[in-house]
């Protein structure tokens, strides 16, 4: 199959299910990133031990380092618990995306778009479209692995998961950077496309109008 026209996938409205999934995923991932940033900085246990001790001493009390660490750790635990709940939401979104994929018309599925893209002539515009489709594949793969390893960590109290807990933790931490890189490229790419050749991409993802 040979095509010479501009890919309609760049300008056609997305189905309502995809648009809703996209913005819910954006919202949940944003919250997840925020919890990671705050959990690794402001609410990091060892960063707040001294602050707890100082606050107690100002009120005329005394507290040991271990006691102060326990208090600081409690706030950190609450934040990471929120991160866990957000992770459950993301896992549900992953499952929902799989269901959406099979509910779409065959020509609108990712596999069909990839096949369509591969059959484009090798000009710069069509190569761009192909790389966008590959980007989606990378994102979904990273997203799935992030969710899977996150669930392993969330159910760390299950003995049968002990053998893979450390591997899951390391993988989870590494994959997050791949997702961060994708988000940066995706946002920059969408903004660039919206203000150049494919105006209205963002608005179409919101209201679904061509």
N, C-alpha and C. Protein backbone atom coordinates (compact mmCIF):
# COMPACT_ATOMS: atom_id res chain seq x y z
N UNK A 1 0.85 -1.20 0.00
CA UNK A 1 0.00 0.00 0.00
C UNK A 1 0.88 1.23 0.00
N UNK A 2 0.60 2.16 -0.93
CA UNK A 2 1.38 3.36 -1.05
C UNK A 2 0.49 4.57 -0.83
N UNK A 3 0.94 5.49 0.01
CA UNK A 3 0.19 6.70 0.30
C UNK A 3 1.07 7.90 0.06
N UNK A 4 0.47 8.99 -0.42
CA UNK A 4 1.25 10.20 -0.64
C UNK A 4 0.66 11.40 0.10
N UNK A 5 -0.54 11.27 0.62
CA UNK A 5 -1.18 12.38 1.31
C UNK A 5 -0.76 12.45 2.76
N UNK A 6 -1.03 13.58 3.38
CA UNK A 6 -0.71 13.75 4.79
C UNK A 6 -1.52 12.77 5.64
N UNK A 7 -0.92 12.10 6.61
CA UNK A 7 -1.65 11.15 7.45
C UNK A 7 -2.82 11.82 8.16
N UNK A 8 -4.01 11.23 8.02
CA UNK A 8 -5.18 11.81 8.69
C UNK A 8 -5.14 11.56 10.18
N UNK A 9 -4.30 10.62 10.66
CA UNK A 9 -4.24 10.33 12.09
C UNK A 9 -3.80 11.55 12.88
N UNK A 10 -3.07 12.48 12.24
CA UNK A 10 -2.60 13.66 12.95
C UNK A 10 -3.72 14.67 13.17
N UNK A 11 -4.73 14.66 12.29
CA UNK A 11 -5.74 15.71 12.33
C UNK A 11 -7.14 15.20 12.66
N UNK A 12 -7.35 13.91 12.64
CA UNK A 12 -8.69 13.41 12.94
C UNK A 12 -8.93 13.37 14.44
N UNK A 13 -10.18 13.61 14.87
CA UNK A 13 -10.51 13.58 16.30
C UNK A 13 -10.34 12.16 16.87
N UNK A 14 -9.95 12.08 18.12
CA UNK A 14 -9.83 10.80 18.79
C UNK A 14 -11.18 10.39 19.36
N UNK A 15 -11.43 9.08 19.48
CA UNK A 15 -12.68 8.63 20.11
C UNK A 15 -12.78 9.15 21.54
N UNK A 16 -14.01 9.33 22.01
CA UNK A 16 -14.23 9.86 23.35
C UNK A 16 -13.56 9.00 24.42
N UNK A 17 -13.56 7.68 24.23
CA UNK A 17 -12.94 6.79 25.21
C UNK A 17 -11.45 7.04 25.32
N UNK A 18 -10.79 7.27 24.18
CA UNK A 18 -9.35 7.55 24.18
C UNK A 18 -9.06 8.90 24.83
N UNK A 19 -9.89 9.88 24.52
CA UNK A 19 -9.67 11.23 25.08
C UNK A 19 -9.84 11.22 26.60
N UNK A 20 -10.89 10.55 27.08
CA UNK A 20 -11.10 10.47 28.52
C UNK A 20 -9.96 9.72 29.18
N UNK A 21 -9.54 8.62 28.57
CA UNK A 21 -8.42 7.84 29.12
C UNK A 21 -7.15 8.68 29.15
N UNK A 22 -6.90 9.42 28.10
CA UNK A 22 -5.69 10.25 27.99
C UNK A 22 -5.60 11.24 29.14
N UNK A 23 -6.69 11.96 29.41
CA UNK A 23 -6.64 13.00 30.43
C UNK A 23 -6.67 12.44 31.84
N UNK A 24 -7.35 11.33 32.06
CA UNK A 24 -7.30 10.67 33.36
C UNK A 24 -5.89 10.15 33.63
N UNK A 25 -5.28 9.57 32.62
CA UNK A 25 -3.90 9.07 32.76
C UNK A 25 -2.94 10.21 33.06
N UNK A 26 -3.11 11.32 32.35
CA UNK A 26 -2.28 12.50 32.60
C UNK A 26 -2.43 12.97 34.05
N UNK A 27 -3.67 13.02 34.54
CA UNK A 27 -3.95 13.47 35.90
C UNK A 27 -3.31 12.55 36.93
N UNK A 28 -3.49 11.25 36.77
CA UNK A 28 -2.95 10.29 37.73
C UNK A 28 -1.42 10.26 37.69
N UNK A 29 -0.84 10.33 36.49
CA UNK A 29 0.61 10.32 36.39
C UNK A 29 1.20 11.59 37.02
N UNK A 30 0.52 12.73 36.82
CA UNK A 30 0.99 13.98 37.41
C UNK A 30 1.01 13.87 38.94
N UNK A 31 -0.06 13.33 39.52
CA UNK A 31 -0.10 13.15 40.97
C UNK A 31 1.00 12.19 41.42
N UNK A 32 1.20 11.13 40.66
CA UNK A 32 2.24 10.15 41.00
C UNK A 32 3.62 10.80 41.02
N UNK A 33 3.90 11.62 40.01
CA UNK A 33 5.20 12.31 39.94
C UNK A 33 5.36 13.26 41.12
N UNK A 34 4.28 13.97 41.46
CA UNK A 34 4.34 14.91 42.58
C UNK A 34 4.66 14.17 43.88
N UNK A 35 4.03 13.02 44.10
CA UNK A 35 4.30 12.26 45.33
C UNK A 35 5.74 11.77 45.37
N UNK A 36 6.27 11.39 44.21
CA UNK A 36 7.67 10.95 44.16
C UNK A 36 8.61 12.09 44.49
N UNK A 37 8.34 13.26 43.91
CA UNK A 37 9.20 14.43 44.14
C UNK A 37 9.18 14.83 45.62
N UNK A 38 7.99 14.94 46.20
CA UNK A 38 7.89 15.34 47.60
C UNK A 38 8.38 14.24 48.53
N UNK A 39 8.12 12.99 48.18
CA UNK A 39 8.58 11.89 49.02
C UNK A 39 10.09 11.75 49.04
N UNK A 40 10.73 12.20 47.97
CA UNK A 40 12.19 12.10 47.87
C UNK A 40 12.91 13.35 48.36
N UNK A 41 12.14 14.40 48.67
CA UNK A 41 12.76 15.66 49.09
C UNK A 41 12.18 16.15 50.42
N UNK A 42 11.10 16.92 50.37
CA UNK A 42 10.56 17.56 51.57
C UNK A 42 10.12 16.57 52.65
N UNK A 43 9.57 15.43 52.23
CA UNK A 43 9.04 14.48 53.20
C UNK A 43 9.97 13.28 53.41
N UNK A 44 11.20 13.38 52.96
CA UNK A 44 12.15 12.30 53.16
C UNK A 44 12.46 12.20 54.65
N UNK A 45 12.38 11.01 55.20
CA UNK A 45 12.48 10.82 56.66
C UNK A 45 13.74 11.45 57.25
N UNK A 46 14.88 11.13 56.70
CA UNK A 46 16.13 11.59 57.31
C UNK A 46 16.30 13.11 57.20
N UNK A 47 15.56 13.73 56.28
CA UNK A 47 15.65 15.18 56.13
C UNK A 47 14.83 15.92 57.18
N UNK A 48 13.96 15.21 57.90
CA UNK A 48 13.05 15.85 58.84
C UNK A 48 13.26 15.47 60.31
N UNK A 49 14.19 14.57 60.56
CA UNK A 49 14.44 14.14 61.93
C UNK A 49 14.86 15.33 62.80
N UNK A 50 15.81 16.10 62.31
CA UNK A 50 16.29 17.24 63.09
C UNK A 50 15.18 18.28 63.29
N UNK A 51 14.35 18.48 62.28
CA UNK A 51 13.26 19.45 62.38
C UNK A 51 12.28 19.03 63.47
N UNK A 52 11.95 17.75 63.57
CA UNK A 52 11.04 17.26 64.60
C UNK A 52 11.64 17.50 65.98
N UNK A 53 12.91 17.20 66.13
CA UNK A 53 13.57 17.41 67.42
C UNK A 53 13.55 18.88 67.81
N UNK A 54 13.83 19.75 66.85
CA UNK A 54 13.87 21.19 67.14
C UNK A 54 12.49 21.71 67.55
N UNK A 55 11.45 21.24 66.87
CA UNK A 55 10.10 21.70 67.18
C UNK A 55 9.66 21.24 68.58
N UNK A 56 10.02 20.03 68.96
CA UNK A 56 9.66 19.51 70.29
C UNK A 56 10.42 20.29 71.36
N UNK A 57 11.70 20.56 71.11
CA UNK A 57 12.52 21.29 72.09
C UNK A 57 12.02 22.71 72.28
N UNK A 58 11.50 23.33 71.23
CA UNK A 58 10.96 24.69 71.35
C UNK A 58 9.75 24.73 72.27
N UNK A 59 9.04 23.62 72.35
CA UNK A 59 7.87 23.53 73.23
C UNK A 59 8.24 23.03 74.63
N UNK A 60 9.56 22.90 74.88
CA UNK A 60 10.02 22.50 76.20
C UNK A 60 10.10 21.01 76.41
N UNK A 61 9.94 20.21 75.37
CA UNK A 61 10.00 18.77 75.50
C UNK A 61 11.32 18.21 75.03
N UNK A 62 11.47 16.94 75.14
CA UNK A 62 12.67 16.26 74.66
C UNK A 62 12.24 15.03 73.86
N UNK A 63 13.02 14.71 72.89
CA UNK A 63 12.72 13.56 72.04
C UNK A 63 14.03 12.98 71.53
N UNK A 64 14.13 11.67 71.53
CA UNK A 64 15.35 11.03 71.04
C UNK A 64 15.35 11.02 69.52
N UNK A 65 16.51 10.72 68.97
CA UNK A 65 16.62 10.65 67.51
C UNK A 65 15.71 9.58 66.93
N UNK A 66 15.64 8.42 67.61
CA UNK A 66 14.77 7.34 67.13
C UNK A 66 13.30 7.75 67.17
N UNK A 67 12.90 8.45 68.23
CA UNK A 67 11.52 8.90 68.33
C UNK A 67 11.20 9.93 67.24
N UNK A 68 12.13 10.83 67.03
CA UNK A 68 11.94 11.85 66.00
C UNK A 68 11.87 11.21 64.62
N UNK A 69 12.68 10.19 64.41
CA UNK A 69 12.67 9.48 63.13
C UNK A 69 11.33 8.79 62.91
N UNK A 70 10.77 8.24 63.96
CA UNK A 70 9.47 7.57 63.84
C UNK A 70 8.37 8.55 63.43
N UNK A 71 8.41 9.75 64.02
CA UNK A 71 7.41 10.78 63.66
C UNK A 71 7.60 11.21 62.22
N UNK A 72 8.84 11.50 61.83
CA UNK A 72 9.12 11.93 60.46
C UNK A 72 8.74 10.85 59.45
N UNK A 73 8.99 9.61 59.83
CA UNK A 73 8.69 8.49 58.93
C UNK A 73 7.19 8.32 58.72
N UNK A 74 6.41 8.69 59.72
CA UNK A 74 4.95 8.56 59.61
C UNK A 74 4.41 9.46 58.50
N UNK A 75 4.93 10.68 58.40
CA UNK A 75 4.49 11.58 57.33
C UNK A 75 4.94 11.06 55.97
N UNK A 76 6.15 10.52 55.92
CA UNK A 76 6.64 9.94 54.68
C UNK A 76 5.78 8.76 54.25
N UNK A 77 5.40 7.93 55.22
CA UNK A 77 4.55 6.76 54.93
C UNK A 77 3.22 7.18 54.34
N UNK A 78 2.62 8.24 54.88
CA UNK A 78 1.33 8.69 54.38
C UNK A 78 1.43 9.13 52.92
N UNK A 79 2.52 9.80 52.58
CA UNK A 79 2.71 10.25 51.21
C UNK A 79 2.89 9.07 50.26
N UNK A 80 3.70 8.09 50.68
CA UNK A 80 3.92 6.93 49.83
C UNK A 80 2.68 6.05 49.75
N UNK A 81 1.84 6.11 50.77
CA UNK A 81 0.56 5.40 50.70
C UNK A 81 -0.32 6.02 49.62
N UNK A 82 -0.30 7.36 49.54
CA UNK A 82 -1.03 8.03 48.47
C UNK A 82 -0.47 7.61 47.11
N UNK A 83 0.84 7.51 47.02
CA UNK A 83 1.49 7.07 45.78
C UNK A 83 1.00 5.66 45.40
N UNK A 84 0.85 4.81 46.40
CA UNK A 84 0.37 3.45 46.14
C UNK A 84 -1.05 3.46 45.60
N UNK A 85 -1.92 4.26 46.20
CA UNK A 85 -3.31 4.33 45.75
C UNK A 85 -3.40 4.88 44.32
N UNK A 86 -2.57 5.88 44.04
CA UNK A 86 -2.52 6.42 42.68
C UNK A 86 -2.05 5.33 41.71
N UNK A 87 -1.10 4.51 42.18
CA UNK A 87 -0.62 3.41 41.37
C UNK A 87 -1.72 2.41 41.04
N UNK A 88 -2.59 2.15 42.01
CA UNK A 88 -3.74 1.27 41.75
C UNK A 88 -4.61 1.87 40.63
N UNK A 89 -4.80 3.19 40.71
CA UNK A 89 -5.59 3.85 39.68
C UNK A 89 -4.95 3.72 38.31
N UNK A 90 -3.63 3.84 38.25
CA UNK A 90 -2.92 3.70 36.98
C UNK A 90 -3.01 2.27 36.45
N UNK A 91 -2.96 1.31 37.35
CA UNK A 91 -3.10 -0.09 36.93
C UNK A 91 -4.47 -0.33 36.31
N UNK A 92 -5.49 0.27 36.90
CA UNK A 92 -6.84 0.16 36.33
C UNK A 92 -6.90 0.83 34.97
N UNK A 93 -6.22 1.96 34.82
CA UNK A 93 -6.19 2.65 33.54
C UNK A 93 -5.49 1.83 32.47
N UNK A 94 -4.44 1.10 32.85
CA UNK A 94 -3.77 0.21 31.90
C UNK A 94 -4.73 -0.85 31.40
N UNK A 95 -5.45 -1.46 32.32
CA UNK A 95 -6.43 -2.48 31.94
C UNK A 95 -7.51 -1.88 31.05
N UNK A 96 -7.97 -0.69 31.41
CA UNK A 96 -9.00 -0.02 30.63
C UNK A 96 -8.51 0.27 29.21
N UNK A 97 -7.23 0.66 29.09
CA UNK A 97 -6.67 0.96 27.74
C UNK A 97 -6.65 -0.29 26.88
N UNK A 98 -6.37 -1.43 27.47
CA UNK A 98 -6.38 -2.69 26.71
C UNK A 98 -7.80 -2.98 26.22
N UNK A 99 -8.77 -2.76 27.10
CA UNK A 99 -10.16 -3.00 26.73
C UNK A 99 -10.58 -2.04 25.60
N UNK A 100 -10.17 -0.77 25.72
CA UNK A 100 -10.49 0.22 24.69
C UNK A 100 -9.91 -0.21 23.35
N UNK A 101 -8.67 -0.68 23.39
CA UNK A 101 -8.00 -1.07 22.14
C UNK A 101 -8.80 -2.10 21.37
N UNK A 102 -9.31 -3.10 22.06
CA UNK A 102 -10.07 -4.16 21.40
C UNK A 102 -11.49 -3.73 21.05
N UNK A 103 -11.95 -2.63 21.64
CA UNK A 103 -13.29 -2.14 21.33
C UNK A 103 -13.30 -1.20 20.13
N UNK A 104 -12.12 -0.71 19.72
CA UNK A 104 -12.04 0.19 18.58
C UNK A 104 -12.20 -0.56 17.27
N UNK A 105 -12.60 0.17 16.25
CA UNK A 105 -12.62 -0.42 14.91
C UNK A 105 -11.20 -0.84 14.54
N UNK A 106 -11.06 -1.91 13.78
CA UNK A 106 -9.75 -2.47 13.49
C UNK A 106 -8.80 -1.45 12.88
N UNK A 107 -9.31 -0.58 12.02
CA UNK A 107 -8.43 0.38 11.35
C UNK A 107 -7.93 1.47 12.28
N UNK A 108 -8.53 1.60 13.47
CA UNK A 108 -8.10 2.62 14.42
C UNK A 108 -7.21 2.08 15.52
N UNK A 109 -6.96 0.79 15.53
CA UNK A 109 -6.13 0.19 16.56
C UNK A 109 -4.66 0.49 16.30
N UNK A 110 -3.85 0.41 17.36
CA UNK A 110 -2.43 0.73 17.26
C UNK A 110 -1.73 -0.15 16.23
N UNK A 111 -2.07 -1.43 16.20
CA UNK A 111 -1.44 -2.34 15.24
C UNK A 111 -1.72 -1.90 13.81
N UNK A 112 -2.96 -1.47 13.54
CA UNK A 112 -3.32 -1.03 12.20
C UNK A 112 -2.59 0.26 11.84
N UNK A 113 -2.45 1.17 12.81
CA UNK A 113 -1.74 2.42 12.56
C UNK A 113 -0.27 2.16 12.26
N UNK A 114 0.32 1.21 12.98
CA UNK A 114 1.71 0.86 12.72
C UNK A 114 1.88 0.27 11.32
N UNK A 115 0.98 -0.62 10.97
CA UNK A 115 1.04 -1.23 9.65
C UNK A 115 0.89 -0.19 8.56
N UNK A 116 -0.04 0.73 8.78
CA UNK A 116 -0.27 1.81 7.84
C UNK A 116 0.97 2.70 7.72
N UNK A 117 1.61 2.98 8.86
CA UNK A 117 2.78 3.85 8.87
C UNK A 117 3.96 3.20 8.17
N UNK A 118 4.15 1.91 8.38
CA UNK A 118 5.28 1.20 7.76
C UNK A 118 5.17 1.22 6.24
N UNK A 119 3.95 1.27 5.73
CA UNK A 119 3.74 1.25 4.28
C UNK A 119 3.82 2.62 3.64
N UNK A 120 4.12 3.63 4.44
CA UNK A 120 4.30 4.96 3.86
C UNK A 120 5.58 5.03 3.05
N UNK A 121 5.62 5.82 1.99
CA UNK A 121 6.89 6.11 1.32
C UNK A 121 7.84 6.81 2.28
N UNK A 122 9.12 6.70 2.05
CA UNK A 122 10.11 7.20 3.00
C UNK A 122 10.39 8.69 2.82
N UNK A 123 9.39 9.55 2.92
CA UNK A 123 9.65 10.99 2.92
C UNK A 123 9.60 11.48 4.36
N UNK A 124 10.17 12.65 4.66
CA UNK A 124 10.28 13.12 6.04
C UNK A 124 8.96 13.17 6.80
N UNK A 125 7.88 13.63 6.14
CA UNK A 125 6.60 13.76 6.81
C UNK A 125 6.06 12.41 7.26
N UNK A 126 6.19 11.43 6.42
CA UNK A 126 5.66 10.12 6.74
C UNK A 126 6.57 9.37 7.71
N UNK A 127 7.86 9.67 7.66
CA UNK A 127 8.77 9.11 8.67
C UNK A 127 8.40 9.65 10.05
N UNK A 128 8.03 10.91 10.09
CA UNK A 128 7.60 11.52 11.34
C UNK A 128 6.41 10.76 11.92
N UNK A 129 5.44 10.46 11.07
CA UNK A 129 4.25 9.73 11.51
C UNK A 129 4.65 8.36 12.05
N UNK A 130 5.59 7.70 11.37
CA UNK A 130 6.02 6.37 11.80
C UNK A 130 6.68 6.44 13.17
N UNK A 131 7.53 7.45 13.37
CA UNK A 131 8.20 7.57 14.66
C UNK A 131 7.22 7.88 15.78
N UNK A 132 6.16 8.61 15.47
CA UNK A 132 5.13 8.88 16.47
C UNK A 132 4.48 7.58 16.91
N UNK A 133 4.20 6.70 15.95
CA UNK A 133 3.58 5.42 16.28
C UNK A 133 4.52 4.54 17.11
N UNK A 134 5.80 4.54 16.76
CA UNK A 134 6.78 3.81 17.56
C UNK A 134 6.85 4.37 18.98
N UNK A 135 6.71 5.70 19.08
CA UNK A 135 6.71 6.33 20.40
C UNK A 135 5.58 5.83 21.26
N UNK A 136 4.40 5.64 20.66
CA UNK A 136 3.26 5.11 21.40
C UNK A 136 3.56 3.70 21.91
N UNK A 137 4.19 2.89 21.06
CA UNK A 137 4.52 1.52 21.46
C UNK A 137 5.45 1.54 22.66
N UNK A 138 6.49 2.39 22.60
CA UNK A 138 7.44 2.50 23.71
C UNK A 138 6.72 2.94 24.98
N UNK A 139 5.84 3.94 24.86
CA UNK A 139 5.11 4.43 26.02
C UNK A 139 4.26 3.34 26.66
N UNK A 140 3.48 2.64 25.85
CA UNK A 140 2.61 1.61 26.40
C UNK A 140 3.41 0.49 27.04
N UNK A 141 4.55 0.15 26.45
CA UNK A 141 5.39 -0.89 27.03
C UNK A 141 5.94 -0.45 28.39
N UNK A 142 6.48 0.78 28.45
CA UNK A 142 7.00 1.30 29.71
C UNK A 142 5.90 1.44 30.75
N UNK A 143 4.75 1.91 30.33
CA UNK A 143 3.62 2.10 31.22
C UNK A 143 3.17 0.76 31.82
N UNK A 144 3.11 -0.26 30.97
CA UNK A 144 2.71 -1.59 31.43
C UNK A 144 3.71 -2.15 32.44
N UNK A 145 5.01 -2.02 32.13
CA UNK A 145 6.04 -2.53 33.03
C UNK A 145 6.07 -1.74 34.34
N UNK A 146 5.82 -0.44 34.26
CA UNK A 146 5.77 0.38 35.47
C UNK A 146 4.62 -0.07 36.36
N UNK A 147 3.46 -0.31 35.75
CA UNK A 147 2.31 -0.77 36.52
C UNK A 147 2.53 -2.15 37.12
N UNK A 148 3.13 -3.04 36.34
CA UNK A 148 3.35 -4.41 36.81
C UNK A 148 4.33 -4.43 37.98
N UNK A 149 5.45 -3.75 37.85
CA UNK A 149 6.43 -3.72 38.94
C UNK A 149 5.88 -2.96 40.15
N UNK A 150 5.04 -1.94 39.89
CA UNK A 150 4.43 -1.21 40.98
C UNK A 150 3.50 -2.08 41.80
N UNK A 151 2.77 -2.96 41.14
CA UNK A 151 1.87 -3.87 41.85
C UNK A 151 2.67 -4.87 42.70
N UNK A 152 3.81 -5.30 42.19
CA UNK A 152 4.67 -6.20 42.97
C UNK A 152 5.11 -5.51 44.26
N UNK A 153 5.48 -4.23 44.15
CA UNK A 153 5.90 -3.48 45.34
C UNK A 153 4.74 -3.20 46.27
N UNK A 154 3.56 -2.96 45.70
CA UNK A 154 2.39 -2.67 46.52
C UNK A 154 1.97 -3.86 47.37
N UNK A 155 2.22 -5.07 46.86
CA UNK A 155 1.86 -6.28 47.59
C UNK A 155 3.12 -6.97 48.15
N UNK A 156 4.01 -6.14 48.69
CA UNK A 156 5.27 -6.64 49.20
C UNK A 156 5.11 -7.57 50.41
N UNK A 157 3.92 -7.56 51.03
CA UNK A 157 3.70 -8.43 52.19
C UNK A 157 3.36 -9.86 51.78
N UNK A 158 3.28 -10.11 50.48
CA UNK A 158 3.00 -11.45 50.00
C UNK A 158 4.32 -12.23 49.86
N UNK A 159 4.50 -13.28 50.64
CA UNK A 159 5.77 -14.03 50.63
C UNK A 159 6.18 -14.54 49.26
N UNK A 160 5.22 -14.92 48.44
CA UNK A 160 5.57 -15.52 47.14
C UNK A 160 6.16 -14.49 46.17
N UNK A 161 6.07 -13.19 46.54
CA UNK A 161 6.66 -12.16 45.70
C UNK A 161 8.06 -11.75 46.16
N UNK A 162 8.50 -12.29 47.29
CA UNK A 162 9.82 -11.93 47.84
C UNK A 162 10.97 -12.12 46.86
N UNK A 163 11.01 -13.23 46.11
CA UNK A 163 12.15 -13.45 45.20
C UNK A 163 12.32 -12.38 44.12
N UNK A 164 11.25 -11.70 43.76
CA UNK A 164 11.35 -10.72 42.68
C UNK A 164 11.17 -9.29 43.19
N UNK A 165 11.07 -9.11 44.50
CA UNK A 165 10.82 -7.78 45.05
C UNK A 165 11.94 -6.80 44.70
N UNK A 166 13.19 -7.17 44.95
CA UNK A 166 14.32 -6.27 44.68
C UNK A 166 14.43 -5.95 43.20
N UNK A 167 14.23 -6.97 42.36
CA UNK A 167 14.29 -6.75 40.91
C UNK A 167 13.19 -5.79 40.47
N UNK A 168 11.99 -5.99 41.02
CA UNK A 168 10.86 -5.12 40.68
C UNK A 168 11.13 -3.69 41.11
N UNK A 169 11.72 -3.52 42.29
CA UNK A 169 12.00 -2.17 42.80
C UNK A 169 13.01 -1.45 41.91
N UNK A 170 14.09 -2.15 41.54
CA UNK A 170 15.11 -1.54 40.69
C UNK A 170 14.54 -1.21 39.31
N UNK A 171 13.75 -2.14 38.77
CA UNK A 171 13.15 -1.92 37.45
C UNK A 171 12.18 -0.76 37.48
N UNK A 172 11.38 -0.69 38.55
CA UNK A 172 10.40 0.38 38.71
C UNK A 172 11.10 1.74 38.74
N UNK A 173 12.20 1.82 39.44
CA UNK A 173 12.92 3.08 39.57
C UNK A 173 13.58 3.48 38.25
N UNK A 174 14.06 2.50 37.48
CA UNK A 174 14.71 2.80 36.20
C UNK A 174 13.69 3.23 35.15
N UNK A 175 12.56 2.51 35.10
CA UNK A 175 11.54 2.78 34.09
C UNK A 175 10.97 4.18 34.24
N UNK A 176 10.90 4.68 35.47
CA UNK A 176 10.32 6.01 35.65
C UNK A 176 11.06 7.07 34.85
N UNK A 177 12.37 6.92 34.72
CA UNK A 177 13.14 7.91 33.97
C UNK A 177 12.85 7.82 32.47
N UNK A 178 12.59 6.59 31.99
CA UNK A 178 12.19 6.43 30.60
C UNK A 178 10.86 7.11 30.34
N UNK A 179 9.93 6.99 31.28
CA UNK A 179 8.63 7.64 31.14
C UNK A 179 8.76 9.16 31.22
N UNK A 180 9.61 9.64 32.11
CA UNK A 180 9.82 11.09 32.22
C UNK A 180 10.34 11.63 30.88
N UNK A 181 11.30 10.92 30.28
CA UNK A 181 11.86 11.36 29.01
C UNK A 181 10.78 11.37 27.93
N UNK A 182 9.94 10.33 27.93
CA UNK A 182 8.86 10.28 26.95
C UNK A 182 7.91 11.46 27.12
N UNK A 183 7.54 11.77 28.36
CA UNK A 183 6.61 12.86 28.61
C UNK A 183 7.16 14.18 28.08
N UNK A 184 8.45 14.40 28.30
CA UNK A 184 9.07 15.65 27.82
C UNK A 184 9.01 15.72 26.29
N UNK A 185 9.42 14.63 25.62
CA UNK A 185 9.40 14.61 24.16
C UNK A 185 7.97 14.74 23.63
N UNK A 186 7.03 14.08 24.31
CA UNK A 186 5.64 14.10 23.87
C UNK A 186 5.05 15.50 23.98
N UNK A 187 5.24 16.14 25.12
CA UNK A 187 4.68 17.48 25.32
C UNK A 187 5.30 18.48 24.36
N UNK A 188 6.64 18.43 24.23
CA UNK A 188 7.32 19.34 23.31
C UNK A 188 6.86 19.08 21.87
N UNK A 189 6.74 17.81 21.51
CA UNK A 189 6.32 17.47 20.15
C UNK A 189 4.91 17.92 19.85
N UNK A 190 4.01 17.73 20.81
CA UNK A 190 2.61 18.14 20.61
C UNK A 190 2.51 19.66 20.47
N UNK A 191 3.20 20.39 21.34
CA UNK A 191 3.16 21.85 21.28
C UNK A 191 3.73 22.34 19.94
N UNK A 192 4.83 21.73 19.53
CA UNK A 192 5.46 22.13 18.25
C UNK A 192 4.51 21.86 17.09
N UNK A 193 3.88 20.68 17.09
CA UNK A 193 2.96 20.34 16.01
C UNK A 193 1.74 21.24 16.02
N UNK A 194 1.27 21.59 17.22
CA UNK A 194 0.06 22.40 17.34
C UNK A 194 0.25 23.81 16.81
N UNK A 195 1.46 24.33 16.95
CA UNK A 195 1.70 25.71 16.51
C UNK A 195 2.30 25.78 15.11
N UNK A 196 2.50 24.62 14.48
CA UNK A 196 3.07 24.62 13.13
C UNK A 196 2.08 24.00 12.13
N UNK A 197 2.29 22.73 11.79
CA UNK A 197 1.53 22.10 10.70
C UNK A 197 0.19 21.53 11.11
N UNK A 198 0.04 21.17 12.39
CA UNK A 198 -1.16 20.45 12.80
C UNK A 198 -1.91 21.18 13.91
N UNK A 199 -2.26 22.42 13.64
CA UNK A 199 -2.96 23.23 14.63
C UNK A 199 -4.25 22.58 15.10
N UNK A 200 -4.50 22.68 16.41
CA UNK A 200 -5.74 22.14 16.97
C UNK A 200 -5.61 20.76 17.58
N UNK A 201 -4.40 20.22 17.65
CA UNK A 201 -4.21 18.88 18.21
C UNK A 201 -4.70 18.83 19.65
N UNK A 202 -4.30 19.82 20.44
CA UNK A 202 -4.69 19.82 21.85
C UNK A 202 -6.20 19.99 22.01
N UNK A 203 -6.79 20.92 21.27
CA UNK A 203 -8.23 21.15 21.38
C UNK A 203 -9.02 19.93 20.93
N UNK A 204 -8.53 19.23 19.89
CA UNK A 204 -9.23 18.02 19.44
C UNK A 204 -9.16 16.93 20.50
N UNK A 205 -8.07 16.88 21.26
CA UNK A 205 -7.96 15.90 22.30
C UNK A 205 -8.87 16.23 23.48
N UNK A 206 -9.30 17.49 23.56
CA UNK A 206 -10.20 17.91 24.64
C UNK A 206 -11.66 17.76 24.22
N UNK A 207 -12.00 18.36 23.07
CA UNK A 207 -13.43 18.39 22.70
C UNK A 207 -13.80 17.40 21.60
N UNK A 208 -12.81 16.78 20.97
CA UNK A 208 -13.11 15.77 19.95
C UNK A 208 -13.62 16.32 18.64
N UNK A 209 -13.52 17.64 18.44
CA UNK A 209 -14.01 18.23 17.20
C UNK A 209 -12.90 18.39 16.20
N UNK A 210 -13.21 18.11 14.97
CA UNK A 210 -12.20 18.22 13.89
C UNK A 210 -11.89 19.67 13.59
